Protein backbone atom coordinates (compact mmCIF):
# COMPACT_ATOMS: atom_id res chain seq x y z
CA MET A 1 -16.77 15.76 -18.12
CA ILE A 2 -18.57 12.97 -16.01
CA PRO A 3 -16.38 10.12 -16.50
CA SER A 4 -13.46 12.23 -15.26
CA ILE A 5 -15.13 12.90 -12.52
CA LEU A 6 -16.08 9.33 -11.32
CA THR A 7 -12.51 8.14 -11.41
CA LYS A 8 -12.24 10.62 -8.75
CA SER A 9 -14.40 8.42 -6.46
CA ARG A 10 -11.38 6.21 -5.99
CA ALA A 11 -7.58 7.11 -5.34
CA ASP A 12 -5.25 7.62 -7.89
CA ALA A 13 -3.42 5.26 -7.79
CA THR A 14 -6.54 2.43 -7.19
CA VAL A 15 -7.73 4.04 -10.23
CA LYS A 16 -4.38 3.27 -12.12
CA THR A 17 -4.57 -0.15 -10.97
CA TYR A 18 -8.23 -0.83 -12.02
CA ARG A 19 -7.44 0.69 -15.58
CA ASN A 20 -4.97 -2.07 -15.53
CA GLY A 21 -7.04 -4.99 -14.77
CA PHE A 22 -9.69 -3.46 -16.82
CA GLU A 23 -7.22 -3.33 -20.08
CA GLN A 24 -5.62 -7.19 -19.45
CA TRP A 25 -9.65 -8.02 -19.51
CA SER A 26 -10.62 -6.23 -22.76
CA ARG A 27 -7.18 -7.34 -24.15
CA TRP A 28 -8.67 -10.75 -23.59
CA THR A 29 -11.95 -10.53 -24.67
CA GLN A 30 -10.85 -9.59 -27.88
CA ASN A 31 -9.65 -13.24 -28.55
CA TYR A 32 -13.52 -14.15 -28.74
CA GLU A 33 -16.07 -12.15 -30.96
CA GLU A 34 -18.89 -13.21 -28.99
CA VAL A 35 -17.21 -11.72 -25.94
CA LYS A 36 -17.99 -8.38 -24.75
CA ALA A 37 -15.54 -6.13 -22.40
CA ILE A 38 -18.88 -3.85 -20.98
CA PRO A 39 -21.47 -4.98 -20.91
CA ALA A 40 -19.52 -8.07 -19.66
CA ASP A 41 -21.74 -10.91 -19.09
CA PRO A 42 -21.43 -13.05 -15.86
CA LEU A 43 -20.23 -16.47 -17.51
CA TYR A 44 -17.51 -14.87 -19.65
CA VAL A 45 -15.78 -13.12 -16.34
CA ALA A 46 -15.88 -16.38 -14.54
CA ILE A 47 -14.66 -18.00 -17.52
CA TYR A 48 -11.70 -15.04 -17.91
CA LEU A 49 -10.80 -15.49 -14.04
CA THR A 50 -10.47 -19.26 -14.07
CA CYS A 51 -7.75 -18.79 -16.97
CA LEU A 52 -6.13 -16.36 -14.84
CA ILE A 53 -6.52 -18.89 -11.87
CA GLN A 54 -5.00 -21.76 -14.38
CA GLN A 55 -2.34 -19.55 -15.23
CA ASN A 56 -1.23 -19.38 -11.42
CA ASP A 57 -1.34 -15.70 -11.65
CA SER A 58 -0.86 -14.00 -8.05
CA TYR A 59 -4.37 -13.43 -5.93
CA ASN A 60 -3.65 -9.67 -6.18
CA LYS A 61 -3.88 -9.77 -9.87
CA ILE A 62 -6.95 -12.02 -10.14
CA LYS A 63 -8.59 -9.49 -6.90
CA ASN A 64 -7.27 -6.36 -8.56
CA SER A 65 -8.96 -7.60 -11.96
CA PHE A 66 -12.63 -8.69 -10.32
CA TYR A 67 -12.51 -5.73 -8.72
CA ALA A 68 -11.17 -3.47 -11.93
CA ILE A 69 -14.18 -5.27 -13.98
CA SER A 70 -16.81 -4.26 -11.09
CA TRP A 71 -15.76 -1.10 -10.90
CA PHE A 72 -15.65 0.04 -14.42
CA HIS A 73 -18.84 -1.52 -14.92
CA LYS A 74 -20.41 0.85 -12.09
CA ILE A 75 -18.84 3.76 -13.74
CA CYS A 76 -20.27 2.71 -16.88
CA ASN A 77 -23.75 2.41 -15.21
CA HIS A 78 -24.08 -1.17 -16.39
CA GLU A 79 -24.94 -4.14 -14.49
CA ASP A 80 -21.92 -5.62 -12.12
CA PRO A 81 -21.17 -8.95 -13.59
CA CYS A 82 -18.82 -9.19 -10.06
CA LYS A 83 -21.97 -9.55 -7.74
CA ASN A 84 -22.78 -13.19 -9.80
CA ASN A 85 -22.40 -15.73 -7.01
CA ILE A 86 -20.21 -17.92 -9.36
CA VAL A 87 -18.13 -15.06 -10.15
CA LYS A 88 -17.66 -13.91 -6.30
CA CYS A 89 -17.04 -18.13 -5.64
CA LEU A 90 -14.57 -18.00 -8.62
CA LEU A 91 -12.61 -15.11 -6.17
CA GLU A 92 -12.97 -17.06 -2.94
CA ALA A 93 -11.24 -20.18 -4.55
CA ALA A 94 -8.48 -17.94 -6.11
CA LYS A 95 -7.93 -16.86 -2.52
CA ARG A 96 -7.59 -20.52 -1.21
CA ILE A 97 -5.66 -21.90 -4.40
CA LEU A 98 -2.84 -19.03 -5.28
CA SER A 99 -2.13 -17.08 -1.66
CA ARG A 100 0.82 -18.32 0.09
CA PRO A 101 1.18 -17.77 3.78
CA LYS A 102 2.29 -14.90 5.19
CA ILE A 103 5.93 -14.66 6.43
CA LYS A 104 6.26 -11.62 8.84
CA LYS A 105 9.15 -9.78 9.60
CA LEU A 106 9.71 -9.22 12.92
CA PRO A 107 9.37 -6.01 14.91
CA LEU A 108 12.64 -3.93 15.64
CA SER A 109 12.39 -3.72 19.54
CA PRO A 110 13.86 -0.97 21.69
CA TYR A 111 16.99 -3.57 22.13
CA HIS A 112 18.00 -3.67 18.87
CA LEU A 113 18.24 0.49 18.17
CA ILE A 114 20.29 0.63 21.35
CA GLN A 115 22.86 -1.60 19.91
CA ILE A 116 22.47 0.46 16.86
CA VAL A 117 23.43 3.55 18.42
CA ARG A 118 26.30 2.13 20.68
CA LYS A 119 27.44 0.41 17.47
CA ASN A 120 27.78 4.06 16.24
CA ASP A 121 28.23 6.19 18.51
CA ASP A 122 32.10 7.20 17.86
CA THR A 123 31.55 7.48 13.79
CA ASP A 124 32.63 10.11 12.14
CA CYS A 125 30.48 9.10 8.99
CA VAL A 126 27.60 11.78 8.28
CA LYS A 127 25.38 8.99 6.44
CA GLN A 128 25.68 6.32 9.19
CA LEU A 129 24.83 9.05 11.92
CA ARG A 130 21.77 9.86 9.08
CA LEU A 131 21.29 6.27 8.76
CA VAL A 132 20.92 5.91 12.73
CA THR A 133 18.48 9.22 12.92
CA MET A 134 16.41 7.66 10.40
CA PHE A 135 16.08 4.31 12.73
CA LEU A 136 15.28 6.38 15.83
CA ILE A 137 12.96 8.68 14.33
CA GLY A 138 11.18 6.16 11.83
CA PHE A 139 10.94 3.95 15.46
CA SER A 140 10.10 6.57 17.80
CA GLY A 141 6.93 8.48 15.13
CA PHE A 142 5.54 5.30 13.61
CA LEU A 143 7.12 6.05 10.74
CA ARG A 144 7.00 3.97 7.45
CA TYR A 145 10.14 4.52 5.17
CA GLN A 146 8.68 7.18 2.55
CA GLU A 147 7.60 8.56 4.85
CA LEU A 148 10.98 9.20 6.73
CA ALA A 149 12.64 9.43 3.38
CA ASN A 150 9.96 12.68 1.82
CA ILE A 151 10.90 15.00 5.49
CA ARG A 152 12.59 17.48 4.42
CA LYS A 153 14.69 20.28 6.71
CA GLY A 154 11.52 22.79 6.48
CA ASP A 155 9.30 19.84 7.98
CA ILE A 156 10.99 19.79 11.63
CA ILE A 157 10.48 22.28 14.11
CA PHE A 158 12.96 22.05 17.16
CA TYR A 159 11.05 23.09 20.64
CA LYS A 160 12.94 22.62 24.45
CA HIS A 161 11.62 19.42 24.84
CA PHE A 162 10.16 17.85 21.30
CA MET A 163 9.91 18.48 17.98
CA ARG A 164 7.57 18.70 15.17
CA ILE A 165 7.49 16.84 11.84
CA PHE A 166 5.27 17.83 9.51
CA ILE A 167 4.74 14.60 7.07
CA GLU A 168 3.13 15.95 3.66
CA LYS A 169 2.26 12.39 2.20
CA SER A 170 1.39 9.17 4.16
CA LYS A 171 -0.41 6.08 3.14
CA CYS A 172 -3.09 6.47 5.71
CA ASP A 173 -3.78 10.03 5.35
CA GLN A 174 -6.85 9.29 2.42
CA TYR A 175 -7.49 13.42 2.24
CA ARG A 176 -3.92 14.05 1.27
CA THR A 177 -3.92 17.07 4.14
CA GLY A 178 -0.54 15.84 5.73
CA LYS A 179 -0.08 15.44 9.52
CA TRP A 180 2.53 16.46 12.43
CA VAL A 181 4.10 14.38 14.32
CA LEU A 182 5.01 14.61 17.72
CA LEU A 183 8.28 13.69 19.02
CA LEU A 184 9.19 14.15 22.63
CA GLU A 185 12.28 14.21 24.25
CA LEU A 186 13.70 10.76 25.42
CA ILE A 187 15.39 10.26 28.93
CA THR A 188 18.93 9.53 28.28
CA TRP A 189 19.86 6.24 27.25
CA GLU A 190 22.29 5.44 30.66
CA MET A 191 18.96 5.93 32.92
CA GLU A 192 16.57 4.20 30.81
CA PHE A 193 18.55 1.08 30.07
CA GLY A 194 21.86 1.18 32.26
CA LYS A 195 25.30 2.21 30.76
CA GLY A 196 25.79 -1.91 30.14
């Protein structure tokens, strides 16, 4: 009973990630009879992380393993082997050795939206119009794709000068209560950007 309640201390996706990370650690320990998965000796956790680094695994996989081992020890009321300074230093080393530079995507600008609308203003294709509408709503409401894709007819309420959209599930909604997004009526394209 208590372990199932303790798993609610983290989001479901986090628990799933930690469970996978801990299972990989457990499988690795089965190769060596002197190594126990829990309670773990910090020395063996350090050796495990070193193996992952040498295999060129991604930094995220190593980080997930680190936090999975740590979390499982905490919820089982064992001493956390990941508090060991050597284990912490190995995580930092993995970050430096394995991380790749981020290649950021350029943000969508109002200019791009104008071009999309102008290119599709005379189309009769419903799919194309839906896509343009998704671009405009997503941009003006600061919505992620997943939030846009999950919008249903009943989630939208139109008013005279604005509309409300209910976002049932959002990455930022920690308590999963949903949120309302308000979109105000836009100034016409000609007034704002000229007819060019």
